[in-house]
Amino acid sequence: MPMYKVRPFHRAGGGVLAEQLPTCMYRVPNLHRRAGPAAEPPPQVGARERREEADPSLQALESRQEEILKRLYELKSAVDGLSKMIQTPDADFDVTNIIQTDECSPLTTNGADLDLMLGKDYGALKDIVINANPSLPPLSLLVLHSLLCERYKILSAVHTHSSVKSVPENLLKCFGEQTKKQPRHEYQLGFTLIWKDVAKPQMKFSIQTMCPIEGEGNIARFLFSLFGQKYNAVTSTLIDSWVDTAIFQLKEGSSKEKGAVLRSMNAALGKTPWLVGSELTVADIVAWCALQQTGSANAAPANVQKWMKSCENLAPFTSVMKLLK
């Protein structure tokens, strides 16, 4: 006669009987769940994804973590800005003469457009750095800067490089007077102009990786592309043609070439209000600035004169005209 009985583990044919083995040693109540009559029952096996109401102490801990991460991102962007100065030839600019401003123009679009065009880098401000000679200031880039400030929130700065002995006061304040600054991460774009002894304007967007873009016309094309306007192949070709014509013939060409360009402009402006179609493009900006710098504005034909007044009625052109006085 057996002393006690146990359940068999094997069937008569030799097969092993299935057993419901435990998944844990013992269960305890969830300490992070608020007590109350409407509290949910303890989670069963396989219900790990069930949403639980967080404890207030955990919420405070998460808020503190987010604040720390935000401060770390801001610190990272500041360190990135310093590293750009150290790793480029512009590291020796004179810090004794720096004017830094922030533009308070109303923001009409969010940063999604810039993230799409320039790539998203969370926590680091996108910086455009331009070297230009104060003896021949790139007026078109200043006009484009003003237009960009009307659309994006831009952190602007003007520096003087050690290769330049002196810079006129109006060029040092070409971005306006200094105002109250905000943290870098609250801006959408950085725009830094360095007055330096260079033969042609130079621009870098990704300081550590890209080669500089040279030439006022090429930089103007890049800046104007930040508005996100799309053109067909014919319109884009016409715009590029007028930009090159303004730079190489109207601005740098002989008097005969300048006369031919003015006649071509007069004919084009007799058909459309702007050089290419019914909207302002980078071609109008570069051509207007070239006329102002070469002194050919007074001798321009009637259609060109009318077009120039249309340009000057826009605030960004008016602010640049003050630099010419």
C-alpha atoms as a PDB file:
ATOM      1  CA  MET A   1       0.000   0.000   0.000  1.00  0.00           C
ATOM      2  CA  PRO A   2       1.591   3.350  -1.036  1.00  0.00           C
ATOM      3  CA  MET A   3       2.400   5.979   1.613  1.00  0.00           C
ATOM      4  CA  TYR A   4       1.045   8.881  -0.555  1.00  0.00           C
ATOM      5  CA  LYS A   5      -0.028   9.486  -4.114  1.00  0.00           C
ATOM      6  CA  VAL A   6       1.434  11.892  -6.688  1.00  0.00           C
ATOM      7  CA  ARG A   7       0.216  12.906 -10.096  1.00  0.00           C
ATOM      8  CA  PRO A   8       1.777  10.923 -12.903  1.00  0.00           C
ATOM      9  CA  PHE A   9       4.213  12.833 -15.179  1.00  0.00           C
ATOM     10  CA  HIS A  10       4.080  10.272 -17.945  1.00  0.00           C
ATOM     11  CA  ARG A  11       1.235   8.778 -19.797  1.00  0.00           C
ATOM     12  CA  ALA A  12       0.870   5.082 -20.222  1.00  0.00           C
ATOM     13  CA  GLY A  13       2.380   5.276 -23.701  1.00  0.00           C
ATOM     14  CA  GLY A  14       5.445   7.153 -22.485  1.00  0.00           C
ATOM     15  CA  GLY A  15       4.454  10.733 -23.397  1.00  0.00           C
ATOM     16  CA  VAL A  16       5.141  13.600 -20.975  1.00  0.00           C
ATOM     17  CA  LEU A  17       2.078  15.304 -19.531  1.00  0.00           C
ATOM     18  CA  ALA A  18       1.859  19.087 -20.075  1.00  0.00           C
ATOM     19  CA  GLU A  19       2.431  21.140 -16.952  1.00  0.00           C
ATOM     20  CA  GLN A  20       1.439  24.778 -16.281  1.00  0.00           C
ATOM     21  CA  LEU A  21       4.710  26.066 -14.867  1.00  0.00           C
ATOM     22  CA  PRO A  22       4.703  29.441 -13.024  1.00  0.00           C
ATOM     23  CA  THR A  23       6.313  32.468 -14.696  1.00  0.00           C
ATOM     24  CA  CYS A  24       7.390  34.162 -11.478  1.00  0.00           C
ATOM     25  CA  MET A  25       8.100  33.211  -7.898  1.00  0.00           C
ATOM     26  CA  TYR A  26       5.301  35.368  -6.437  1.00  0.00           C
ATOM     27  CA  ARG A  27       3.266  38.454  -7.360  1.00  0.00           C
ATOM     28  CA  VAL A  28       3.261  41.858  -5.629  1.00  0.00           C
ATOM     29  CA  PRO A  29       0.972  44.850  -6.235  1.00  0.00           C
ATOM     30  CA  ASN A  30       2.170  47.642  -8.589  1.00  0.00           C
ATOM     31  CA  LEU A  31       3.518  50.471  -6.403  1.00  0.00           C
ATOM     32  CA  HIS A  32       3.358  53.016  -9.264  1.00  0.00           C
ATOM     33  CA  ARG A  33      -0.385  52.687  -9.760  1.00  0.00           C
ATOM     34  CA  ARG A  34      -2.671  55.107  -7.980  1.00  0.00           C
ATOM     35  CA  ALA A  35      -4.992  53.453  -5.510  1.00  0.00           C
ATOM     36  CA  GLY A  36      -8.723  53.953  -5.933  1.00  0.00           C
ATOM     37  CA  PRO A  37     -11.978  52.245  -6.648  1.00  0.00           C
ATOM     38  CA  ALA A  38     -11.511  52.673 -10.390  1.00  0.00           C
ATOM     39  CA  ALA A  39      -8.001  51.240 -10.390  1.00  0.00           C
ATOM     40  CA  GLU A  40      -7.296  48.663 -13.042  1.00  0.00           C
ATOM     41  CA  PRO A  41      -6.736  45.036 -12.006  1.00  0.00           C
ATOM     42  CA  PRO A  42      -3.141  43.801 -11.729  1.00  0.00           C
ATOM     43  CA  PRO A  43      -1.633  43.152 -15.142  1.00  0.00           C
ATOM     44  CA  GLN A  44      -1.699  39.549 -16.232  1.00  0.00           C
ATOM     45  CA  VAL A  45       1.007  37.694 -18.096  1.00  0.00           C
ATOM     46  CA  GLY A  46       1.400  39.125 -21.595  1.00  0.00           C
ATOM     47  CA  ALA A  47      -0.151  42.565 -20.755  1.00  0.00           C
ATOM     48  CA  ARG A  48       3.082  44.557 -20.424  1.00  0.00           C
ATOM     49  CA  GLU A  49       2.028  47.099 -23.056  1.00  0.00           C
ATOM     50  CA  ARG A  50      -1.032  48.155 -21.057  1.00  0.00           C
ATOM     51  CA  ARG A  51      -0.889  51.923 -20.373  1.00  0.00           C
ATOM     52  CA  GLU A  52      -0.393  52.791 -16.745  1.00  0.00           C
ATOM     53  CA  GLU A  53      -1.035  56.090 -15.071  1.00  0.00           C
ATOM     54  CA  ALA A  54       2.328  57.461 -13.932  1.00  0.00           C
ATOM     55  CA  ASP A  55       3.069  58.507 -10.426  1.00  0.00           C
ATOM     56  CA  PRO A  56       3.527  62.309  -9.889  1.00  0.00           C
ATOM     57  CA  SER A  57       7.078  61.741  -8.748  1.00  0.00           C
ATOM     58  CA  LEU A  58       7.858  59.995 -12.033  1.00  0.00           C
ATOM     59  CA  GLN A  59       6.307  62.857 -14.007  1.00  0.00           C
ATOM     60  CA  ALA A  60       8.495  65.336 -12.132  1.00  0.00           C
ATOM     61  CA  LEU A  61      11.544  63.189 -12.858  1.00  0.00           C
ATOM     62  CA  GLU A  62      10.707  63.094 -16.581  1.00  0.00           C
ATOM     63  CA  SER A  63      10.239  66.890 -16.697  1.00  0.00           C
ATOM     64  CA  ARG A  64      13.596  67.352 -15.012  1.00  0.00           C
ATOM     65  CA  GLN A  65      15.237  65.012 -17.514  1.00  0.00           C
ATOM     66  CA  GLU A  66      13.751  66.926 -20.460  1.00  0.00           C
ATOM     67  CA  GLU A  67      15.012  70.226 -19.039  1.00  0.00           C
ATOM     68  CA  ILE A  68      18.511  68.790 -18.611  1.00  0.00           C
ATOM     69  CA  LEU A  69      18.506  67.473 -22.199  1.00  0.00           C
ATOM     70  CA  LYS A  70      17.386  70.873 -23.486  1.00  0.00           C
ATOM     71  CA  ARG A  71      20.257  72.584 -21.670  1.00  0.00           C
ATOM     72  CA  LEU A  72      22.684  69.993 -23.007  1.00  0.00           C
ATOM     73  CA  TYR A  73      21.537  70.645 -26.584  1.00  0.00           C
ATOM     74  CA  GLU A  74      22.039  74.387 -26.064  1.00  0.00           C
ATOM     75  CA  LEU A  75      25.513  73.791 -24.655  1.00  0.00           C
ATOM     76  CA  LYS A  76      26.332  71.519 -27.596  1.00  0.00           C
ATOM     77  CA  SER A  77      25.324  74.204 -30.102  1.00  0.00           C
ATOM     78  CA  ALA A  78      27.521  76.756 -28.330  1.00  0.00           C
ATOM     79  CA  VAL A  79      30.487  74.376 -28.390  1.00  0.00           C
ATOM     80  CA  ASP A  80      29.849  73.676 -32.091  1.00  0.00           C
ATOM     81  CA  GLY A  81      29.979  77.400 -32.783  1.00  0.00           C
ATOM     82  CA  LEU A  82      33.324  77.724 -31.013  1.00  0.00           C
ATOM     83  CA  SER A  83      34.756  74.714 -32.840  1.00  0.00           C
ATOM     84  CA  LYS A  84      33.837  76.255 -36.191  1.00  0.00           C
ATOM     85  CA  MET A  85      35.916  79.327 -35.373  1.00  0.00           C
ATOM     86  CA  ILE A  86      38.870  77.227 -34.220  1.00  0.00           C
ATOM     87  CA  GLN A  87      38.908  74.875 -37.214  1.00  0.00           C
ATOM     88  CA  THR A  88      38.687  77.545 -39.943  1.00  0.00           C
ATOM     89  CA  PRO A  89      41.094  80.264 -41.145  1.00  0.00           C
ATOM     90  CA  ASP A  90      38.670  82.841 -39.761  1.00  0.00           C
ATOM     91  CA  ALA A  91      39.628  82.009 -36.195  1.00  0.00           C
ATOM     92  CA  ASP A  92      41.856  85.069 -35.932  1.00  0.00           C
ATOM     93  CA  PHE A  93      39.179  87.715 -36.488  1.00  0.00           C
ATOM     94  CA  ASP A  94      39.322  90.675 -34.151  1.00  0.00           C
ATOM     95  CA  VAL A  95      36.867  90.218 -31.320  1.00  0.00           C
ATOM     96  CA  THR A  96      37.349  93.835 -30.287  1.00  0.00           C
ATOM     97  CA  ASN A  97      34.899  94.981 -32.915  1.00  0.00           C
ATOM     98  CA  ILE A  98      31.861  92.704 -32.971  1.00  0.00           C
ATOM     99  CA  ILE A  99      28.267  93.704 -33.470  1.00  0.00           C
ATOM    100  CA  GLN A 100      25.700  90.966 -32.956  1.00  0.00           C
ATOM    101  CA  THR A 101      21.994  91.445 -33.504  1.00  0.00           C
ATOM    102  CA  ASP A 102      18.842  89.440 -33.549  1.00  0.00           C
ATOM    103  CA  GLU A 103      16.126  90.260 -36.012  1.00  0.00           C
ATOM    104  CA  CYS A 104      12.663  90.889 -34.619  1.00  0.00           C
ATOM    105  CA  SER A 105      10.799  90.667 -37.901  1.00  0.00           C
ATOM    106  CA  PRO A 106       7.566  88.700 -37.683  1.00  0.00           C
ATOM    107  CA  LEU A 107       7.946  85.026 -38.320  1.00  0.00           C
ATOM    108  CA  THR A 108       5.688  83.943 -41.174  1.00  0.00           C
ATOM    109  CA  THR A 109       6.733  80.303 -41.512  1.00  0.00           C
ATOM    110  CA  ASN A 110       8.020  77.611 -39.238  1.00  0.00           C
ATOM    111  CA  GLY A 111      11.369  75.852 -39.388  1.00  0.00           C
ATOM    112  CA  ALA A 112      10.060  72.833 -41.278  1.00  0.00           C
ATOM    113  CA  ASP A 113      10.995  74.383 -44.606  1.00  0.00           C
ATOM    114  CA  LEU A 114      14.619  74.920 -43.567  1.00  0.00           C
ATOM    115  CA  ASP A 115      14.809  71.426 -42.098  1.00  0.00           C
ATOM    116  CA  LEU A 116      13.627  70.048 -45.418  1.00  0.00           C
ATOM    117  CA  MET A 117      16.091  72.084 -47.507  1.00  0.00           C
ATOM    118  CA  LEU A 118      19.157  72.106 -45.257  1.00  0.00           C
ATOM    119  CA  GLY A 119      18.682  68.961 -43.189  1.00  0.00           C
ATOM    120  CA  LYS A 120      17.534  68.675 -39.589  1.00  0.00           C
ATOM    121  CA  ASP A 121      20.114  68.813 -36.804  1.00  0.00           C
ATOM    122  CA  TYR A 122      18.221  68.948 -33.518  1.00  0.00           C
ATOM    123  CA  GLY A 123      19.944  71.059 -30.914  1.00  0.00           C
ATOM    124  CA  ALA A 124      22.421  72.765 -33.279  1.00  0.00           C
ATOM    125  CA  LEU A 125      21.784  76.040 -35.104  1.00  0.00           C
ATOM    126  CA  LYS A 126      22.334  76.070 -38.856  1.00  0.00           C
ATOM    127  CA  ASP A 127      25.005  78.690 -39.611  1.00  0.00           C
ATOM    128  CA  ILE A 128      25.778  80.553 -42.832  1.00  0.00           C
ATOM    129  CA  VAL A 129      29.200  82.261 -42.736  1.00  0.00           C
ATOM    130  CA  ILE A 130      30.133  84.755 -45.464  1.00  0.00           C
ATOM    131  CA  ASN A 131      33.502  86.454 -46.004  1.00  0.00           C
ATOM    132  CA  ALA A 132      33.323  89.723 -47.964  1.00  0.00           C
ATOM    133  CA  ASN A 133      35.632  92.628 -48.755  1.00  0.00           C
ATOM    134  CA  PRO A 134      34.433  95.946 -47.284  1.00  0.00           C
ATOM    135  CA  SER A 135      35.916  97.832 -50.266  1.00  0.00           C
ATOM    136  CA  LEU A 136      33.263  96.194 -52.490  1.00  0.00           C
ATOM    137  CA  PRO A 137      30.375  95.131 -50.256  1.00  0.00           C
ATOM    138  CA  PRO A 138      28.029  92.485 -51.736  1.00  0.00           C
ATOM    139  CA  LEU A 139      24.816  94.491 -51.649  1.00  0.00           C
ATOM    140  CA  SER A 140      22.703  91.671 -53.041  1.00  0.00           C
ATOM    141  CA  LEU A 141      23.581  89.477 -50.061  1.00  0.00           C
ATOM    142  CA  LEU A 142      22.459  92.223 -47.688  1.00  0.00           C
ATOM    143  CA  VAL A 143      19.136  92.530 -49.521  1.00  0.00           C
ATOM    144  CA  LEU A 144      18.655  88.764 -49.330  1.00  0.00           C
ATOM    145  CA  HIS A 145      19.496  88.804 -45.627  1.00  0.00           C
ATOM    146  CA  SER A 146      16.715  91.333 -45.019  1.00  0.00           C
ATOM    147  CA  LEU A 147      14.254  89.261 -47.038  1.00  0.00           C
ATOM    148  CA  LEU A 148      15.173  86.119 -45.109  1.00  0.00           C
ATOM    149  CA  CYS A 149      14.625  87.943 -41.826  1.00  0.00           C
ATOM    150  CA  GLU A 150      11.049  88.617 -42.897  1.00  0.00           C
ATOM    151  CA  ARG A 151      10.430  84.884 -43.205  1.00  0.00           C
ATOM    152  CA  TYR A 152      12.690  83.170 -40.663  1.00  0.00           C
ATOM    153  CA  LYS A 153      13.977  83.926 -37.198  1.00  0.00           C
ATOM    154  CA  ILE A 154      17.662  84.668 -37.818  1.00  0.00           C
ATOM    155  CA  LEU A 155      20.571  85.227 -35.445  1.00  0.00           C
ATOM    156  CA  SER A 156      22.721  87.800 -37.278  1.00  0.00           C
ATOM    157  CA  ALA A 157      26.295  88.810 -36.533  1.00  0.00           C
ATOM    158  CA  VAL A 158      28.957  91.072 -38.106  1.00  0.00           C
ATOM    159  CA  HIS A 159      32.669  90.473 -37.460  1.00  0.00           C
ATOM    160  CA  THR A 160      35.861  92.203 -38.566  1.00  0.00           C
ATOM    161  CA  HIS A 161      38.757  89.993 -39.668  1.00  0.00           C
ATOM    162  CA  SER A 162      42.323  90.855 -38.680  1.00  0.00           C
ATOM    163  CA  SER A 163      43.286  91.220 -42.379  1.00  0.00           C
ATOM    164  CA  VAL A 164      41.169  94.393 -42.585  1.00  0.00           C
ATOM    165  CA  LYS A 165      42.505  97.544 -40.949  1.00  0.00           C
ATOM    166  CA  SER A 166      39.258  99.509 -40.804  1.00  0.00           C
ATOM    167  CA  VAL A 167      35.622  99.121 -41.812  1.00  0.00           C
ATOM    168  CA  PRO A 168      33.148 101.987 -42.265  1.00  0.00           C
ATOM    169  CA  GLU A 169      30.649 102.346 -39.468  1.00  0.00           C
ATOM    170  CA  ASN A 170      27.654 101.812 -41.737  1.00  0.00           C
ATOM    171  CA  LEU A 171      29.003  98.409 -42.810  1.00  0.00           C
ATOM    172  CA  LEU A 172      29.601  97.391 -39.205  1.00  0.00           C
ATOM    173  CA  LYS A 173      25.914  98.098 -38.559  1.00  0.00           C
ATOM    174  CA  CYS A 174      24.577  96.710 -41.832  1.00  0.00           C
ATOM    175  CA  PHE A 175      22.373  94.259 -39.905  1.00  0.00           C
ATOM    176  CA  GLY A 176      20.983  96.891 -37.577  1.00  0.00           C
ATOM    177  CA  GLU A 177      21.636  97.842 -33.979  1.00  0.00           C
ATOM    178  CA  GLN A 178      22.279  95.314 -31.272  1.00  0.00           C
ATOM    179  CA  THR A 179      19.135  94.112 -29.489  1.00  0.00           C
ATOM    180  CA  LYS A 180      18.313  91.658 -26.739  1.00  0.00           C
ATOM    181  CA  LYS A 181      19.528  88.207 -27.627  1.00  0.00           C
ATOM    182  CA  GLN A 182      17.676  84.947 -27.093  1.00  0.00           C
ATOM    183  CA  PRO A 183      19.137  81.454 -26.634  1.00  0.00           C
ATOM    184  CA  ARG A 184      20.603  80.053 -29.868  1.00  0.00           C
ATOM    185  CA  HIS A 185      18.204  77.141 -30.022  1.00  0.00           C
ATOM    186  CA  GLU A 186      15.252  79.542 -30.390  1.00  0.00           C
ATOM    187  CA  TYR A 187      16.521  80.738 -33.803  1.00  0.00           C
ATOM    188  CA  GLN A 188      16.050  78.975 -37.127  1.00  0.00           C
ATOM    189  CA  LEU A 189      19.189  80.165 -38.921  1.00  0.00           C
ATOM    190  CA  GLY A 190      22.509  81.831 -38.142  1.00  0.00           C
ATOM    191  CA  PHE A 191      23.829  84.463 -40.562  1.00  0.00           C
ATOM    192  CA  THR A 192      27.392  85.674 -39.939  1.00  0.00           C
ATOM    193  CA  LEU A 193      29.127  88.260 -42.131  1.00  0.00           C
ATOM    194  CA  ILE A 194      32.906  88.665 -41.741  1.00  0.00           C
ATOM    195  CA  TRP A 195      34.536  91.683 -43.356  1.00  0.00           C
ATOM    196  CA  LYS A 196      37.787  90.229 -44.652  1.00  0.00           C
ATOM    197  CA  ASP A 197      40.425  90.942 -47.309  1.00  0.00           C
ATOM    198  CA  VAL A 198      39.209  88.487 -49.988  1.00  0.00           C
ATOM    199  CA  ALA A 199      39.108  88.801 -53.759  1.00  0.00           C
ATOM    200  CA  LYS A 200      35.536  87.473 -54.012  1.00  0.00           C
ATOM    201  CA  PRO A 201      32.793  86.847 -51.470  1.00  0.00           C
ATOM    202  CA  GLN A 202      33.016  83.373 -49.950  1.00  0.00           C
ATOM    203  CA  MET A 203      30.341  81.394 -48.170  1.00  0.00           C
ATOM    204  CA  LYS A 204      30.278  78.234 -46.088  1.00  0.00           C
ATOM    205  CA  PHE A 205      27.178  76.559 -44.751  1.00  0.00           C
ATOM    206  CA  SER A 206      28.612  73.342 -43.327  1.00  0.00           C
ATOM    207  CA  ILE A 207      31.842  74.799 -41.973  1.00  0.00           C
ATOM    208  CA  GLN A 208      33.700  71.565 -41.269  1.00  0.00           C
ATOM    209  CA  THR A 209      32.811  69.591 -44.403  1.00  0.00           C
ATOM    210  CA  MET A 210      32.080  71.739 -47.444  1.00  0.00           C
ATOM    211  CA  CYS A 211      34.329  73.787 -49.706  1.00  0.00           C
ATOM    212  CA  PRO A 212      33.513  77.508 -49.832  1.00  0.00           C
ATOM    213  CA  ILE A 213      31.094  78.809 -52.445  1.00  0.00           C
ATOM    214  CA  GLU A 214      32.730  81.772 -54.196  1.00  0.00           C
ATOM    215  CA  GLY A 215      31.184  84.650 -56.076  1.00  0.00           C
ATOM    216  CA  GLU A 216      28.362  87.017 -55.194  1.00  0.00           C
ATOM    217  CA  GLY A 217      26.052  85.506 -57.812  1.00  0.00           C
ATOM    218  CA  ASN A 218      26.503  81.927 -56.596  1.00  0.00           C
ATOM    219  CA  ILE A 219      25.944  82.879 -52.965  1.00  0.00           C
ATOM    220  CA  ALA A 220      22.862  84.893 -53.936  1.00  0.00           C
ATOM    221  CA  ARG A 221      21.424  81.830 -55.681  1.00  0.00           C
ATOM    222  CA  PHE A 222      21.949  79.726 -52.567  1.00  0.00           C
ATOM    223  CA  LEU A 223      20.322  82.278 -50.253  1.00  0.00           C
ATOM    224  CA  PHE A 224      17.358  82.796 -52.554  1.00  0.00           C
ATOM    225  CA  SER A 225      16.795  79.024 -52.702  1.00  0.00           C
ATOM    226  CA  LEU A 226      16.002  79.123 -48.972  1.00  0.00           C
ATOM    227  CA  PHE A 227      12.645  80.689 -49.822  1.00  0.00           C
ATOM    228  CA  GLY A 228      11.664  77.331 -51.315  1.00  0.00           C
ATOM    229  CA  GLN A 229      10.347  78.701 -54.604  1.00  0.00           C
ATOM    230  CA  LYS A 230      10.282  76.203 -57.462  1.00  0.00           C
ATOM    231  CA  TYR A 231      10.733  77.129 -61.138  1.00  0.00           C
ATOM    232  CA  ASN A 232      10.570  75.150 -64.340  1.00  0.00           C
ATOM    233  CA  ALA A 233      13.679  74.571 -66.424  1.00  0.00           C
ATOM    234  CA  VAL A 234      13.106  77.558 -68.742  1.00  0.00           C
ATOM    235  CA  THR A 235      12.510  80.036 -65.920  1.00  0.00           C
ATOM    236  CA  SER A 236      15.492  78.754 -63.927  1.00  0.00           C
ATOM    237  CA  THR A 237      17.745  79.132 -66.975  1.00  0.00           C
ATOM    238  CA  LEU A 238      16.562  82.711 -67.557  1.00  0.00           C
ATOM    239  CA  ILE A 239      17.175  83.617 -63.922  1.00  0.00           C
ATOM    240  CA  ASP A 240      20.697  82.156 -63.972  1.00  0.00           C
ATOM    241  CA  SER A 241      21.418  83.969 -67.247  1.00  0.00           C
ATOM    242  CA  TRP A 242      20.396  87.356 -65.824  1.00  0.00           C
ATOM    243  CA  VAL A 243      22.426  86.776 -62.659  1.00  0.00           C
ATOM    244  CA  ASP A 244      25.569  86.000 -64.680  1.00  0.00           C
ATOM    245  CA  THR A 245      24.914  88.945 -66.985  1.00  0.00           C
ATOM    246  CA  ALA A 246      24.559  91.315 -64.052  1.00  0.00           C
ATOM    247  CA  ILE A 247      27.782  90.122 -62.405  1.00  0.00           C
ATOM    248  CA  PHE A 248      30.116  89.654 -65.385  1.00  0.00           C
ATOM    249  CA  GLN A 249      28.842  92.321 -67.811  1.00  0.00           C
ATOM    250  CA  LEU A 250      26.855  94.936 -65.944  1.00  0.00           C
ATOM    251  CA  LYS A 251      29.137  95.027 -62.905  1.00  0.00           C
ATOM    252  CA  GLU A 252      32.532  93.975 -64.277  1.00  0.00           C
ATOM    253  CA  GLY A 253      32.182  94.585 -68.035  1.00  0.00           C
ATOM    254  CA  SER A 254      33.182  97.486 -70.275  1.00  0.00           C
ATOM    255  CA  SER A 255      30.985 100.501 -70.964  1.00  0.00           C
ATOM    256  CA  LYS A 256      29.917  98.917 -74.266  1.00  0.00           C
ATOM    257  CA  GLU A 257      28.840  95.729 -72.493  1.00  0.00           C
ATOM    258  CA  LYS A 258      26.949  97.707 -69.856  1.00  0.00           C
ATOM    259  CA  GLY A 259      25.049  99.589 -72.548  1.00  0.00           C
ATOM    260  CA  ALA A 260      24.065  96.348 -74.247  1.00  0.00           C
ATOM    261  CA  VAL A 261      22.826  94.905 -70.955  1.00  0.00           C
ATOM    262  CA  LEU A 262      20.721  97.993 -70.234  1.00  0.00           C
ATOM    263  CA  ARG A 263      19.068  97.726 -73.639  1.00  0.00           C
ATOM    264  CA  SER A 264      18.314  94.038 -73.049  1.00  0.00           C
ATOM    265  CA  MET A 265      16.882  94.823 -69.624  1.00  0.00           C
ATOM    266  CA  ASN A 266      14.732  97.616 -71.061  1.00  0.00           C
ATOM    267  CA  ALA A 267      13.305  95.235 -73.667  1.00  0.00           C
ATOM    268  CA  ALA A 268      12.570  92.504 -71.109  1.00  0.00           C
ATOM    269  CA  LEU A 269      10.981  94.924 -68.645  1.00  0.00           C
ATOM    270  CA  GLY A 270       8.727  96.234 -71.383  1.00  0.00           C
ATOM    271  CA  LYS A 271       6.973  92.841 -71.373  1.00  0.00           C
ATOM    272  CA  THR A 272       6.955  91.887 -67.690  1.00  0.00           C
ATOM    273  CA  PRO A 273       7.171  93.913 -64.446  1.00  0.00           C
ATOM    274  CA  TRP A 274      10.254  91.975 -63.321  1.00  0.00           C
ATOM    275  CA  LEU A 275      13.176  90.596 -65.280  1.00  0.00           C
ATOM    276  CA  VAL A 276      11.766  87.066 -65.271  1.00  0.00           C
ATOM    277  CA  GLY A 277       7.986  86.974 -65.100  1.00  0.00           C
ATOM    278  CA  SER A 278       5.613  88.651 -62.681  1.00  0.00           C
ATOM    279  CA  GLU A 279       7.463  87.977 -59.411  1.00  0.00           C
ATOM    280  CA  LEU A 280      10.664  89.215 -57.832  1.00  0.00           C
ATOM    281  CA  THR A 281      13.583  86.789 -58.273  1.00  0.00           C
ATOM    282  CA  VAL A 282      17.263  86.726 -57.402  1.00  0.00           C
ATOM    283  CA  ALA A 283      17.936  88.119 -60.895  1.00  0.00           C
ATOM    284  CA  ASP A 284      16.207  91.407 -59.971  1.00  0.00           C
ATOM    285  CA  ILE A 285      18.134  91.653 -56.700  1.00  0.00           C
ATOM    286  CA  VAL A 286      21.568  91.069 -58.241  1.00  0.00           C
ATOM    287  CA  ALA A 287      20.884  93.339 -61.247  1.00  0.00           C
ATOM    288  CA  TRP A 288      19.566  96.197 -59.086  1.00  0.00           C
ATOM    289  CA  CYS A 289      22.597  96.039 -56.790  1.00  0.00           C
ATOM    290  CA  ALA A 290      24.960  95.932 -59.778  1.00  0.00           C
ATOM    291  CA  LEU A 291      23.375  99.103 -61.195  1.00  0.00           C
ATOM    292  CA  GLN A 292      23.736 100.846 -57.852  1.00  0.00           C
ATOM    293  CA  GLN A 293      27.408  99.925 -57.462  1.00  0.00           C
ATOM    294  CA  THR A 294      28.430 100.815 -61.028  1.00  0.00           C
ATOM    295  CA  GLY A 295      26.634 104.167 -61.063  1.00  0.00           C
ATOM    296  CA  SER A 296      24.643 103.252 -64.180  1.00  0.00           C
ATOM    297  CA  ALA A 297      21.256 103.859 -62.561  1.00  0.00           C
ATOM    298  CA  ASN A 298      20.930 107.458 -63.713  1.00  0.00           C
ATOM    299  CA  ALA A 299      21.592 106.577 -67.362  1.00  0.00           C
ATOM    300  CA  ALA A 300      19.137 103.679 -67.439  1.00  0.00           C
ATOM    301  CA  PRO A 301      16.269 103.606 -69.989  1.00  0.00           C
ATOM    302  CA  ALA A 302      12.643 104.321 -69.020  1.00  0.00           C
ATOM    303  CA  ASN A 303      11.545 100.732 -68.330  1.00  0.00           C
ATOM    304  CA  VAL A 304      14.641 100.111 -66.224  1.00  0.00           C
ATOM    305  CA  GLN A 305      14.011 103.293 -64.240  1.00  0.00           C
ATOM    306  CA  LYS A 306      10.436 102.197 -63.520  1.00  0.00           C
ATOM    307  CA  TRP A 307      11.664  98.758 -62.466  1.00  0.00           C
ATOM    308  CA  MET A 308      14.258 100.272 -60.123  1.00  0.00           C
ATOM    309  CA  LYS A 309      11.572 102.317 -58.372  1.00  0.00           C
ATOM    310  CA  SER A 310       9.545  99.139 -57.899  1.00  0.00           C
ATOM    311  CA  CYS A 311      12.568  97.565 -56.213  1.00  0.00           C
ATOM    312  CA  GLU A 312      13.193 100.581 -54.027  1.00  0.00           C
ATOM    313  CA  ASN A 313       9.610 100.498 -52.777  1.00  0.00           C
ATOM    314  CA  LEU A 314      10.487  97.272 -50.969  1.00  0.00           C
ATOM    315  CA  ALA A 315      11.940  97.672 -47.470  1.00  0.00           C
ATOM    316  CA  PRO A 316      15.032  95.423 -47.956  1.00  0.00           C
ATOM    317  CA  PHE A 317      16.200  97.565 -50.891  1.00  0.00           C
ATOM    318  CA  THR A 318      15.567 100.780 -48.957  1.00  0.00           C
ATOM    319  CA  SER A 319      17.761  99.622 -46.060  1.00  0.00           C
ATOM    320  CA  VAL A 320      20.616  98.833 -48.473  1.00  0.00           C
ATOM    321  CA  MET A 321      20.319 102.254 -50.136  1.00  0.00           C
ATOM    322  CA  LYS A 322      21.227 103.822 -46.803  1.00  0.00           C
ATOM    323  CA  LEU A 323      24.606 102.058 -46.969  1.00  0.00           C
ATOM    324  CA  LEU A 324      25.384 103.807 -50.263  1.00  0.00           C
ATOM    325  CA  LYS A 325      25.052 107.299 -48.768  1.00  0.00           C
END
